[in-house]
Amino acid sequence: MPEWSFLTNHARVLLCIARDPGVRLREIASTLGITERTAFGVVADLTDSGYVIKERDGRRNRYEIQHHLPLIEPASEERTVGELLELLGGRQITRGARARPKATTRTKAKS
């Protein structure tokens, strides 16, 4: 496998989150072949810069990508994050990630 990639870890993590907004850091790390610490740092960068909103959902985190925000690339010609994800992952990824309902916690029924 080559030692370099056309996409940065930030773009690759964003794609993982687009495919599964409830993805765990461990799953991101395993999928991308990076450490959990690196995955944590990249997700922190994306949330700190406002591209991803992190929300607690029980014991897990759920992520929401801000598709409308412009890329931080000088050559991007004012392209948005959503346009990048659509290009890299196809229309079904960007639509599916936004339309996916939040997980709900079940409560025991009283007998």
PDB file of N, CA and C in Angstrom:
ATOM      1  N   MET A   1       0.849  -1.171   0.000  1.00  0.00           N
ATOM      2  CA  MET A   1       0.000   0.000   0.000  1.00  0.00           C
ATOM      3  C   MET A   1       0.898   1.238   0.000  1.00  0.00           C
ATOM      4  N   PRO A   2       0.524   2.267  -0.768  1.00  0.00           N
ATOM      5  CA  PRO A   2       1.369   3.462  -0.823  1.00  0.00           C
ATOM      6  C   PRO A   2       1.402   4.192   0.517  1.00  0.00           C
ATOM      7  N   GLU A   3       2.470   4.950   0.708  1.00  0.00           N
ATOM      8  CA  GLU A   3       2.622   5.700   1.953  1.00  0.00           C
ATOM      9  C   GLU A   3       1.920   7.047   1.917  1.00  0.00           C
ATOM     10  N   TRP A   4       1.255   7.357   0.826  1.00  0.00           N
ATOM     11  CA  TRP A   4       0.561   8.634   0.711  1.00  0.00           C
ATOM     12  C   TRP A   4      -0.842   8.387   0.153  1.00  0.00           C
ATOM     13  N   SER A   5      -1.664   9.428   0.200  1.00  0.00           N
ATOM     14  CA  SER A   5      -3.035   9.321  -0.276  1.00  0.00           C
ATOM     15  C   SER A   5      -3.424  10.629  -0.958  1.00  0.00           C
ATOM     16  N   PHE A   6      -4.351  10.551  -1.886  1.00  0.00           N
ATOM     17  CA  PHE A   6      -4.847  11.770  -2.521  1.00  0.00           C
ATOM     18  C   PHE A   6      -5.679  12.599  -1.547  1.00  0.00           C
ATOM     19  N   LEU A   7      -6.258  11.959  -0.546  1.00  0.00           N
ATOM     20  CA  LEU A   7      -7.105  12.657   0.418  1.00  0.00           C
ATOM     21  C   LEU A   7      -6.408  12.744   1.764  1.00  0.00           C
ATOM     22  N   THR A   8      -6.618  13.834   2.448  1.00  0.00           N
ATOM     23  CA  THR A   8      -6.081  13.992   3.796  1.00  0.00           C
ATOM     24  C   THR A   8      -6.899  13.144   4.763  1.00  0.00           C
ATOM     25  N   ASN A   9      -6.372  12.948   5.953  1.00  0.00           N
ATOM     26  CA  ASN A   9      -7.134  12.240   6.974  1.00  0.00           C
ATOM     27  C   ASN A   9      -8.427  12.982   7.295  1.00  0.00           C
ATOM     28  N   HIS A  10      -8.402  14.299   7.214  1.00  0.00           N
ATOM     29  CA  HIS A  10      -9.606  15.075   7.504  1.00  0.00           C
ATOM     30  C   HIS A  10     -10.719  14.740   6.501  1.00  0.00           C
ATOM     31  N   ALA A  11     -10.394  14.673   5.234  1.00  0.00           N
ATOM     32  CA  ALA A  11     -11.391  14.330   4.219  1.00  0.00           C
ATOM     33  C   ALA A  11     -11.860  12.887   4.386  1.00  0.00           C
ATOM     34  N   ARG A  12     -10.947  11.988   4.692  1.00  0.00           N
ATOM     35  CA  ARG A  12     -11.292  10.583   4.860  1.00  0.00           C
ATOM     36  C   ARG A  12     -12.197  10.378   6.079  1.00  0.00           C
ATOM     37  N   VAL A  13     -11.917  11.081   7.178  1.00  0.00           N
ATOM     38  CA  VAL A  13     -12.763  10.993   8.375  1.00  0.00           C
ATOM     39  C   VAL A  13     -14.142  11.571   8.073  1.00  0.00           C
ATOM     40  N   LEU A  14     -14.182  12.674   7.348  1.00  0.00           N
ATOM     41  CA  LEU A  14     -15.457  13.289   6.973  1.00  0.00           C
ATOM     42  C   LEU A  14     -16.299  12.302   6.166  1.00  0.00           C
ATOM     43  N   LEU A  15     -15.677  11.556   5.267  1.00  0.00           N
ATOM     44  CA  LEU A  15     -16.399  10.539   4.505  1.00  0.00           C
ATOM     45  C   LEU A  15     -16.941   9.435   5.405  1.00  0.00           C
ATOM     46  N   CYS A  16     -16.151   9.007   6.375  1.00  0.00           N
ATOM     47  CA  CYS A  16     -16.622   7.983   7.330  1.00  0.00           C
ATOM     48  C   CYS A  16     -17.850   8.479   8.074  1.00  0.00           C
ATOM     49  N   ILE A  17     -17.805   9.713   8.519  1.00  0.00           N
ATOM     50  CA  ILE A  17     -18.938  10.287   9.260  1.00  0.00           C
ATOM     51  C   ILE A  17     -20.142  10.437   8.335  1.00  0.00           C
ATOM     52  N   ALA A  18     -19.913  10.808   7.078  1.00  0.00           N
ATOM     53  CA  ALA A  18     -21.022  10.950   6.127  1.00  0.00           C
ATOM     54  C   ALA A  18     -21.713   9.612   5.898  1.00  0.00           C
ATOM     55  N   ARG A  19     -20.937   8.544   5.868  1.00  0.00           N
ATOM     56  CA  ARG A  19     -21.517   7.213   5.661  1.00  0.00           C
ATOM     57  C   ARG A  19     -22.275   6.719   6.884  1.00  0.00           C
ATOM     58  N   ASP A  20     -21.792   7.094   8.075  1.00  0.00           N
ATOM     59  CA  ASP A  20     -22.428   6.643   9.315  1.00  0.00           C
ATOM     60  C   ASP A  20     -22.251   7.706  10.389  1.00  0.00           C
ATOM     61  N   PRO A  21     -23.253   8.566  10.597  1.00  0.00           N
ATOM     62  CA  PRO A  21     -23.143   9.636  11.584  1.00  0.00           C
ATOM     63  C   PRO A  21     -22.959   9.148  13.021  1.00  0.00           C
ATOM     64  N   GLY A  22     -23.193   7.875  13.271  1.00  0.00           N
ATOM     65  CA  GLY A  22     -23.015   7.311  14.607  1.00  0.00           C
ATOM     66  C   GLY A  22     -21.734   6.508  14.732  1.00  0.00           C
ATOM     67  N   VAL A  23     -20.829   6.661  13.781  1.00  0.00           N
ATOM     68  CA  VAL A  23     -19.592   5.878  13.767  1.00  0.00           C
ATOM     69  C   VAL A  23     -18.758   6.182  15.014  1.00  0.00           C
ATOM     70  N   ARG A  24     -18.082   5.168  15.517  1.00  0.00           N
ATOM     71  CA  ARG A  24     -17.214   5.334  16.689  1.00  0.00           C
ATOM     72  C   ARG A  24     -15.791   5.638  16.239  1.00  0.00           C
ATOM     73  N   LEU A  25     -15.043   6.302  17.111  1.00  0.00           N
ATOM     74  CA  LEU A  25     -13.653   6.627  16.795  1.00  0.00           C
ATOM     75  C   LEU A  25     -12.851   5.372  16.484  1.00  0.00           C
ATOM     76  N   ARG A  26     -13.114   4.312  17.202  1.00  0.00           N
ATOM     77  CA  ARG A  26     -12.412   3.047  16.973  1.00  0.00           C
ATOM     78  C   ARG A  26     -12.681   2.533  15.561  1.00  0.00           C
ATOM     79  N   GLU A  27     -13.925   2.662  15.099  1.00  0.00           N
ATOM     80  CA  GLU A  27     -14.271   2.216  13.751  1.00  0.00           C
ATOM     81  C   GLU A  27     -13.618   3.098  12.692  1.00  0.00           C
ATOM     82  N   ILE A  28     -13.579   4.401  12.937  1.00  0.00           N
ATOM     83  CA  ILE A  28     -12.909   5.317  12.008  1.00  0.00           C
ATOM     84  C   ILE A  28     -11.442   4.929  11.882  1.00  0.00           C
ATOM     85  N   ALA A  29     -10.794   4.745  13.025  1.00  0.00           N
ATOM     86  CA  ALA A  29      -9.366   4.405  13.039  1.00  0.00           C
ATOM     87  C   ALA A  29      -9.118   3.099  12.292  1.00  0.00           C
ATOM     88  N   SER A  30      -9.917   2.102  12.559  1.00  0.00           N
ATOM     89  CA  SER A  30      -9.745   0.797  11.923  1.00  0.00           C
ATOM     90  C   SER A  30      -9.962   0.887  10.414  1.00  0.00           C
ATOM     91  N   THR A  31     -11.005   1.573  10.001  1.00  0.00           N
ATOM     92  CA  THR A  31     -11.321   1.716   8.581  1.00  0.00           C
ATOM     93  C   THR A  31     -10.217   2.433   7.823  1.00  0.00           C
ATOM     94  N   LEU A  32      -9.666   3.478   8.425  1.00  0.00           N
ATOM     95  CA  LEU A  32      -8.685   4.313   7.739  1.00  0.00           C
ATOM     96  C   LEU A  32      -7.242   3.903   7.983  1.00  0.00           C
ATOM     97  N   GLY A  33      -7.019   2.970   8.891  1.00  0.00           N
ATOM     98  CA  GLY A  33      -5.660   2.551   9.188  1.00  0.00           C
ATOM     99  C   GLY A  33      -4.864   3.614   9.922  1.00  0.00           C
ATOM    100  N   ILE A  34      -5.545   4.321  10.830  1.00  0.00           N
ATOM    101  CA  ILE A  34      -4.896   5.338  11.658  1.00  0.00           C
ATOM    102  C   ILE A  34      -5.130   4.981  13.118  1.00  0.00           C
ATOM    103  N   THR A  35      -4.449   5.667  14.015  1.00  0.00           N
ATOM    104  CA  THR A  35      -4.653   5.398  15.434  1.00  0.00           C
ATOM    105  C   THR A  35      -5.931   6.074  15.920  1.00  0.00           C
ATOM    106  N   GLU A  36      -6.459   5.581  17.028  1.00  0.00           N
ATOM    107  CA  GLU A  36      -7.636   6.218  17.629  1.00  0.00           C
ATOM    108  C   GLU A  36      -7.308   7.649  18.044  1.00  0.00           C
ATOM    109  N   ARG A  37      -6.084   7.856  18.498  1.00  0.00           N
ATOM    110  CA  ARG A  37      -5.667   9.200  18.908  1.00  0.00           C
ATOM    111  C   ARG A  37      -5.693  10.165  17.717  1.00  0.00           C
ATOM    112  N   THR A  38      -5.241   9.689  16.554  1.00  0.00           N
ATOM    113  CA  THR A  38      -5.290  10.511  15.346  1.00  0.00           C
ATOM    114  C   THR A  38      -6.730  10.780  14.944  1.00  0.00           C
ATOM    115  N   ALA A  39      -7.576   9.746  14.988  1.00  0.00           N
ATOM    116  CA  ALA A  39      -8.993   9.910  14.658  1.00  0.00           C
ATOM    117  C   ALA A  39      -9.635  10.928  15.592  1.00  0.00           C
ATOM    118  N   PHE A  40      -9.321  10.842  16.890  1.00  0.00           N
ATOM    119  CA  PHE A  40      -9.853  11.794  17.865  1.00  0.00           C
ATOM    120  C   PHE A  40      -9.422  13.217  17.502  1.00  0.00           C
ATOM    121  N   GLY A  41      -8.155  13.384  17.167  1.00  0.00           N
ATOM    122  CA  GLY A  41      -7.638  14.710  16.816  1.00  0.00           C
ATOM    123  C   GLY A  41      -8.292  15.289  15.580  1.00  0.00           C
ATOM    124  N   VAL A  42      -8.502  14.452  14.576  1.00  0.00           N
ATOM    125  CA  VAL A  42      -9.131  14.914  13.344  1.00  0.00           C
ATOM    126  C   VAL A  42     -10.589  15.303  13.607  1.00  0.00           C
ATOM    127  N   VAL A  43     -11.320  14.470  14.349  1.00  0.00           N
ATOM    128  CA  VAL A  43     -12.716  14.794  14.680  1.00  0.00           C
ATOM    129  C   VAL A  43     -12.765  16.080  15.504  1.00  0.00           C
ATOM    130  N   ALA A  44     -11.821  16.256  16.418  1.00  0.00           N
ATOM    131  CA  ALA A  44     -11.760  17.495  17.210  1.00  0.00           C
ATOM    132  C   ALA A  44     -11.520  18.698  16.306  1.00  0.00           C
ATOM    133  N   ASP A  45     -10.619  18.568  15.325  1.00  0.00           N
ATOM    134  CA  ASP A  45     -10.378  19.655  14.374  1.00  0.00           C
ATOM    135  C   ASP A  45     -11.650  20.008  13.616  1.00  0.00           C
ATOM    136  N   LEU A  46     -12.353  18.980  13.144  1.00  0.00           N
ATOM    137  CA  LEU A  46     -13.570  19.203  12.362  1.00  0.00           C
ATOM    138  C   LEU A  46     -14.684  19.830  13.202  1.00  0.00           C
ATOM    139  N   THR A  47     -14.787  19.430  14.470  1.00  0.00           N
ATOM    140  CA  THR A  47     -15.818  20.013  15.335  1.00  0.00           C
ATOM    141  C   THR A  47     -15.423  21.427  15.781  1.00  0.00           C
ATOM    142  N   ASP A  48     -14.152  21.622  16.100  1.00  0.00           N
ATOM    143  CA  ASP A  48     -13.695  22.955  16.518  1.00  0.00           C
ATOM    144  C   ASP A  48     -13.869  23.992  15.415  1.00  0.00           C
ATOM    145  N   SER A  49     -13.705  23.559  14.170  1.00  0.00           N
ATOM    146  CA  SER A  49     -13.838  24.495  13.049  1.00  0.00           C
ATOM    147  C   SER A  49     -15.279  24.626  12.569  1.00  0.00           C
ATOM    148  N   GLY A  50     -16.200  23.850  13.156  1.00  0.00           N
ATOM    149  CA  GLY A  50     -17.620  23.993  12.841  1.00  0.00           C
ATOM    150  C   GLY A  50     -18.122  23.142  11.693  1.00  0.00           C
ATOM    151  N   TYR A  51     -17.262  22.329  11.090  1.00  0.00           N
ATOM    152  CA  TYR A  51     -17.690  21.490   9.971  1.00  0.00           C
ATOM    153  C   TYR A  51     -18.524  20.305  10.421  1.00  0.00           C
ATOM    154  N   VAL A  52     -18.339  19.887  11.662  1.00  0.00           N
ATOM    155  CA  VAL A  52     -19.090  18.765  12.218  1.00  0.00           C
ATOM    156  C   VAL A  52     -19.611  19.181  13.589  1.00  0.00           C
ATOM    157  N   ILE A  53     -20.864  18.867  13.844  1.00  0.00           N
ATOM    158  CA  ILE A  53     -21.447  19.092  15.166  1.00  0.00           C
ATOM    159  C   ILE A  53     -21.529  17.738  15.853  1.00  0.00           C
ATOM    160  N   LYS A  54     -20.978  17.672  17.068  1.00  0.00           N
ATOM    161  CA  LYS A  54     -20.969  16.428  17.838  1.00  0.00           C
ATOM    162  C   LYS A  54     -22.037  16.527  18.915  1.00  0.00           C
ATOM    163  N   GLU A  55     -22.828  15.476  19.031  1.00  0.00           N
ATOM    164  CA  GLU A  55     -23.917  15.446  20.003  1.00  0.00           C
ATOM    165  C   GLU A  55     -23.925  14.094  20.708  1.00  0.00           C
ATOM    166  N   ARG A  56     -24.099  14.116  22.014  1.00  0.00           N
ATOM    167  CA  ARG A  56     -24.185  12.865  22.773  1.00  0.00           C
ATOM    168  C   ARG A  56     -25.531  12.208  22.503  1.00  0.00           C
ATOM    169  N   ASP A  57     -25.492  10.913  22.301  1.00  0.00           N
ATOM    170  CA  ASP A  57     -26.695  10.117  22.093  1.00  0.00           C
ATOM    171  C   ASP A  57     -26.545   8.877  22.962  1.00  0.00           C
ATOM    172  N   GLY A  58     -26.973   8.992  24.215  1.00  0.00           N
ATOM    173  CA  GLY A  58     -26.751   7.910  25.171  1.00  0.00           C
ATOM    174  C   GLY A  58     -25.279   7.841  25.513  1.00  0.00           C
ATOM    175  N   ARG A  59     -24.675   6.680  25.295  1.00  0.00           N
ATOM    176  CA  ARG A  59     -23.249   6.512  25.579  1.00  0.00           C
ATOM    177  C   ARG A  59     -22.382   6.771  24.352  1.00  0.00           C
ATOM    178  N   ARG A  60     -22.992   7.114  23.246  1.00  0.00           N
ATOM    179  CA  ARG A  60     -22.263   7.323  21.992  1.00  0.00           C
ATOM    180  C   ARG A  60     -22.357   8.770  21.541  1.00  0.00           C
ATOM    181  N   ASN A  61     -21.538   9.095  20.576  1.00  0.00           N
ATOM    182  CA  ASN A  61     -21.626  10.398  19.923  1.00  0.00           C
ATOM    183  C   ASN A  61     -22.293  10.214  18.571  1.00  0.00           C
ATOM    184  N   ARG A  62     -23.020  11.217  18.155  1.00  0.00           N
ATOM    185  CA  ARG A  62     -23.586  11.295  16.798  1.00  0.00           C
ATOM    186  C   ARG A  62     -23.039  12.562  16.193  1.00  0.00           C
ATOM    187  N   TYR A  63     -22.759  12.501  14.920  1.00  0.00           N
ATOM    188  CA  TYR A  63     -22.157  13.633  14.238  1.00  0.00           C
ATOM    189  C   TYR A  63     -23.083  14.149  13.146  1.00  0.00           C
ATOM    190  N   GLU A  64     -23.090  15.460  12.980  1.00  0.00           N
ATOM    191  CA  GLU A  64     -23.864  16.081  11.916  1.00  0.00           C
ATOM    192  C   GLU A  64     -22.928  16.978  11.123  1.00  0.00           C
ATOM    193  N   ILE A  65     -22.790  16.667   9.858  1.00  0.00           N
ATOM    194  CA  ILE A  65     -21.916  17.443   8.980  1.00  0.00           C
ATOM    195  C   ILE A  65     -22.651  18.694   8.527  1.00  0.00           C
ATOM    196  N   GLN A  66     -21.958  19.795   8.535  1.00  0.00           N
ATOM    197  CA  GLN A  66     -22.512  21.066   8.073  1.00  0.00           C
ATOM    198  C   GLN A  66     -22.208  21.204   6.578  1.00  0.00           C
ATOM    199  N   HIS A  67     -23.084  20.634   5.767  1.00  0.00           N
ATOM    200  CA  HIS A  67     -22.878  20.521   4.325  1.00  0.00           C
ATOM    201  C   HIS A  67     -22.757  21.867   3.618  1.00  0.00           C
ATOM    202  N   HIS A  68     -23.338  22.892   4.172  1.00  0.00           N
ATOM    203  CA  HIS A  68     -23.387  24.195   3.511  1.00  0.00           C
ATOM    204  C   HIS A  68     -22.109  25.020   3.662  1.00  0.00           C
ATOM    205  N   LEU A  69     -21.217  24.621   4.568  1.00  0.00           N
ATOM    206  CA  LEU A  69     -20.017  25.423   4.816  1.00  0.00           C
ATOM    207  C   LEU A  69     -19.008  25.310   3.680  1.00  0.00           C
ATOM    208  N   PRO A  70     -18.314  26.414   3.388  1.00  0.00           N
ATOM    209  CA  PRO A  70     -17.309  26.385   2.320  1.00  0.00           C
ATOM    210  C   PRO A  70     -16.060  25.631   2.772  1.00  0.00           C
ATOM    211  N   LEU A  71     -15.362  25.051   1.797  1.00  0.00           N
ATOM    212  CA  LEU A  71     -14.098  24.366   2.077  1.00  0.00           C
ATOM    213  C   LEU A  71     -13.025  25.402   2.404  1.00  0.00           C
ATOM    214  N   ILE A  72     -12.014  24.967   3.151  1.00  0.00           N
ATOM    215  CA  ILE A  72     -10.896  25.856   3.498  1.00  0.00           C
ATOM    216  C   ILE A  72      -9.770  25.642   2.484  1.00  0.00           C
ATOM    217  N   GLU A  73     -10.077  25.576   1.234  1.00  0.00           N
ATOM    218  CA  GLU A  73      -9.086  25.356   0.197  1.00  0.00           C
ATOM    219  C   GLU A  73      -9.030  26.575  -0.698  1.00  0.00           C
ATOM    220  N   PRO A  74      -7.835  27.142  -0.907  1.00  0.00           N
ATOM    221  CA  PRO A  74      -7.729  28.306  -1.783  1.00  0.00           C
ATOM    222  C   PRO A  74      -8.191  27.994  -3.214  1.00  0.00           C
ATOM    223  N   ALA A  75      -7.999  26.761  -3.675  1.00  0.00           N
ATOM    224  CA  ALA A  75      -8.360  26.400  -5.046  1.00  0.00           C
ATOM    225  C   ALA A  75      -9.764  25.815  -5.154  1.00  0.00           C
ATOM    226  N   SER A  76     -10.552  25.884  -4.102  1.00  0.00           N
ATOM    227  CA  SER A  76     -11.857  25.218  -4.101  1.00  0.00           C
ATOM    228  C   SER A  76     -12.931  25.998  -4.847  1.00  0.00           C
ATOM    229  N   GLU A  77     -12.669  27.238  -5.232  1.00  0.00           N
ATOM    230  CA  GLU A  77     -13.642  28.065  -5.946  1.00  0.00           C
ATOM    231  C   GLU A  77     -14.982  28.124  -5.222  1.00  0.00           C
ATOM    232  N   GLU A  78     -14.923  28.349  -3.910  1.00  0.00           N
ATOM    233  CA  GLU A  78     -16.136  28.481  -3.087  1.00  0.00           C
ATOM    234  C   GLU A  78     -17.017  27.236  -3.101  1.00  0.00           C
ATOM    235  N   ARG A  79     -16.421  26.078  -3.160  1.00  0.00           N
ATOM    236  CA  ARG A  79     -17.170  24.828  -3.072  1.00  0.00           C
ATOM    237  C   ARG A  79     -17.511  24.543  -1.622  1.00  0.00           C
ATOM    238  N   THR A  80     -18.575  23.762  -1.401  1.00  0.00           N
ATOM    239  CA  THR A  80     -19.006  23.445  -0.038  1.00  0.00           C
ATOM    240  C   THR A  80     -18.589  22.026   0.349  1.00  0.00           C
ATOM    241  N   VAL A  81     -18.677  21.754   1.627  1.00  0.00           N
ATOM    242  CA  VAL A  81     -18.392  20.424   2.148  1.00  0.00           C
ATOM    243  C   VAL A  81     -19.335  19.402   1.520  1.00  0.00           C
ATOM    244  N   GLY A  82     -20.599  19.755   1.393  1.00  0.00           N
ATOM    245  CA  GLY A  82     -21.579  18.853   0.788  1.00  0.00           C
ATOM    246  C   GLY A  82     -21.221  18.495  -0.640  1.00  0.00           C
ATOM    247  N   GLU A  83     -20.733  19.466  -1.409  1.00  0.00           N
ATOM    248  CA  GLU A  83     -20.332  19.195  -2.794  1.00  0.00           C
ATOM    249  C   GLU A  83     -19.141  18.234  -2.831  1.00  0.00           C
ATOM    250  N   LEU A  84     -18.202  18.407  -1.912  1.00  0.00           N
ATOM    251  CA  LEU A  84     -17.055  17.510  -1.834  1.00  0.00           C
ATOM    252  C   LEU A  84     -17.500  16.086  -1.520  1.00  0.00           C
ATOM    253  N   LEU A  85     -18.375  15.939  -0.529  1.00  0.00           N
ATOM    254  CA  LEU A  85     -18.855  14.613  -0.146  1.00  0.00           C
ATOM    255  C   LEU A  85     -19.634  13.957  -1.278  1.00  0.00           C
ATOM    256  N   GLU A  86     -20.427  14.746  -1.981  1.00  0.00           N
ATOM    257  CA  GLU A  86     -21.186  14.210  -3.109  1.00  0.00           C
ATOM    258  C   GLU A  86     -20.241  13.718  -4.203  1.00  0.00           C
ATOM    259  N   LEU A  87     -19.185  14.471  -4.456  1.00  0.00           N
ATOM    260  CA  LEU A  87     -18.200  14.087  -5.464  1.00  0.00           C
ATOM    261  C   LEU A  87     -17.468  12.804  -5.070  1.00  0.00           C
ATOM    262  N   LEU A  88     -17.040  12.723  -3.824  1.00  0.00           N
ATOM    263  CA  LEU A  88     -16.243  11.586  -3.369  1.00  0.00           C
ATOM    264  C   LEU A  88     -17.058  10.347  -3.036  1.00  0.00           C
ATOM    265  N   GLY A  89     -18.242  10.550  -2.488  1.00  0.00           N
ATOM    266  CA  GLY A  89     -19.000   9.403  -2.008  1.00  0.00           C
ATOM    267  C   GLY A  89     -20.293   9.140  -2.716  1.00  0.00           C
ATOM    268  N   GLY A  90     -20.672   9.995  -3.614  1.00  0.00           N
ATOM    269  CA  GLY A  90     -21.930   9.810  -4.320  1.00  0.00           C
ATOM    270  C   GLY A  90     -23.089  10.462  -3.602  1.00  0.00           C
ATOM    271  N   ARG A  91     -24.096  10.720  -4.339  1.00  0.00           N
ATOM    272  CA  ARG A  91     -25.277  11.428  -3.833  1.00  0.00           C
ATOM    273  C   ARG A  91     -25.947  10.677  -2.679  1.00  0.00           C
ATOM    274  N   GLN A  92     -25.935   9.334  -2.720  1.00  0.00           N
ATOM    275  CA  GLN A  92     -26.609   8.559  -1.676  1.00  0.00           C
ATOM    276  C   GLN A  92     -25.968   8.766  -0.312  1.00  0.00           C
ATOM    277  N   ILE A  93     -24.683   9.028  -0.257  1.00  0.00           N
ATOM    278  CA  ILE A  93     -24.017   9.242   1.038  1.00  0.00           C
ATOM    279  C   ILE A  93     -24.496  10.536   1.668  1.00  0.00           C
ATOM    280  N   THR A  94     -24.507  11.614   0.918  1.00  0.00           N
ATOM    281  CA  THR A  94     -24.891  12.895   1.507  1.00  0.00           C
ATOM    282  C   THR A  94     -26.371  12.931   1.833  1.00  0.00           C
ATOM    283  N   ARG A  95     -27.194  12.333   0.994  1.00  0.00           N
ATOM    284  CA  ARG A  95     -28.618  12.308   1.298  1.00  0.00           C
ATOM    285  C   ARG A  95     -28.920  11.359   2.442  1.00  0.00           C
ATOM    286  N   GLY A  96     -28.310  10.173   2.417  1.00  0.00           N
ATOM    287  CA  GLY A  96     -28.568   9.161   3.440  1.00  0.00           C
ATOM    288  C   GLY A  96     -28.122   9.606   4.816  1.00  0.00           C
ATOM    289  N   ALA A  97     -26.990  10.294   4.908  1.00  0.00           N
ATOM    290  CA  ALA A  97     -26.475  10.724   6.203  1.00  0.00           C
ATOM    291  C   ALA A  97     -27.378  11.774   6.824  1.00  0.00           C
ATOM    292  N   ARG A  98     -27.947  12.657   6.011  1.00  0.00           N
ATOM    293  CA  ARG A  98     -28.806  13.698   6.559  1.00  0.00           C
ATOM    294  C   ARG A  98     -30.179  13.166   6.912  1.00  0.00           C
ATOM    295  N   ALA A  99     -30.640  12.165   6.159  1.00  0.00           N
ATOM    296  CA  ALA A  99     -31.995  11.662   6.371  1.00  0.00           C
ATOM    297  C   ALA A  99     -32.071  10.612   7.459  1.00  0.00           C
ATOM    298  N   ARG A 100     -30.933  10.121   7.907  1.00  0.00           N
ATOM    299  CA  ARG A 100     -30.915   9.040   8.899  1.00  0.00           C
ATOM    300  C   ARG A 100     -31.466   9.546  10.234  1.00  0.00           C
ATOM    301  N   PRO A 101     -32.467   8.868  10.789  1.00  0.00           N
ATOM    302  CA  PRO A 101     -33.033   9.322  12.066  1.00  0.00           C
ATOM    303  C   PRO A 101     -32.073   9.060  13.224  1.00  0.00           C
ATOM    304  N   LYS A 102     -32.247   9.853  14.256  1.00  0.00           N
ATOM    305  CA  LYS A 102     -31.449   9.650  15.475  1.00  0.00           C
ATOM    306  C   LYS A 102     -31.866   8.368  16.163  1.00  0.00           C
ATOM    307  N   ALA A 103     -30.906   7.738  16.797  1.00  0.00           N
ATOM    308  CA  ALA A 103     -31.232   6.552  17.588  1.00  0.00           C
ATOM    309  C   ALA A 103     -31.964   7.005  18.841  1.00  0.00           C
ATOM    310  N   THR A 104     -32.935   6.237  19.233  1.00  0.00           N
ATOM    311  CA  THR A 104     -33.659   6.579  20.448  1.00  0.00           C
ATOM    312  C   THR A 104     -33.386   5.532  21.491  1.00  0.00           C
ATOM    313  N   THR A 105     -33.471   5.931  22.724  1.00  0.00           N
ATOM    314  CA  THR A 105     -33.265   4.974  23.802  1.00  0.00           C
ATOM    315  C   THR A 105     -34.602   4.339  24.143  1.00  0.00           C
ATOM    316  N   ARG A 106     -34.568   3.063  24.354  1.00  0.00           N
ATOM    317  CA  ARG A 106     -35.798   2.346  24.698  1.00  0.00           C
ATOM    318  C   ARG A 106     -36.025   2.406  26.183  1.00  0.00           C
ATOM    319  N   THR A 107     -37.271   2.470  26.558  1.00  0.00           N
ATOM    320  CA  THR A 107     -37.614   2.428  27.974  1.00  0.00           C
ATOM    321  C   THR A 107     -38.403   1.159  28.218  1.00  0.00           C
ATOM    322  N   LYS A 108     -38.247   0.608  29.386  1.00  0.00           N
ATOM    323  CA  LYS A 108     -38.990  -0.607  29.725  1.00  0.00           C
ATOM    324  C   LYS A 108     -40.462  -0.269  29.938  1.00  0.00           C
ATOM    325  N   ALA A 109     -41.302  -1.120  29.402  1.00  0.00           N
ATOM    326  CA  ALA A 109     -42.735  -0.944  29.613  1.00  0.00           C
ATOM    327  C   ALA A 109     -43.084  -1.465  31.010  1.00  0.00           C
ATOM    328  N   LYS A 110     -43.928  -0.722  31.666  1.00  0.00           N
ATOM    329  CA  LYS A 110     -44.356  -1.161  33.008  1.00  0.00           C
ATOM    330  C   LYS A 110     -45.377  -2.274  32.876  1.00  0.00           C
ATOM    331  N   SER A 111     -45.254  -3.297  33.716  1.00  0.00           N
ATOM    332  CA  SER A 111     -46.215  -4.397  33.658  1.00  0.00           C
ATOM    333  C   SER A 111     -47.178  -4.340  34.784  1.00  0.00           C
TER     334      SER A 111
END
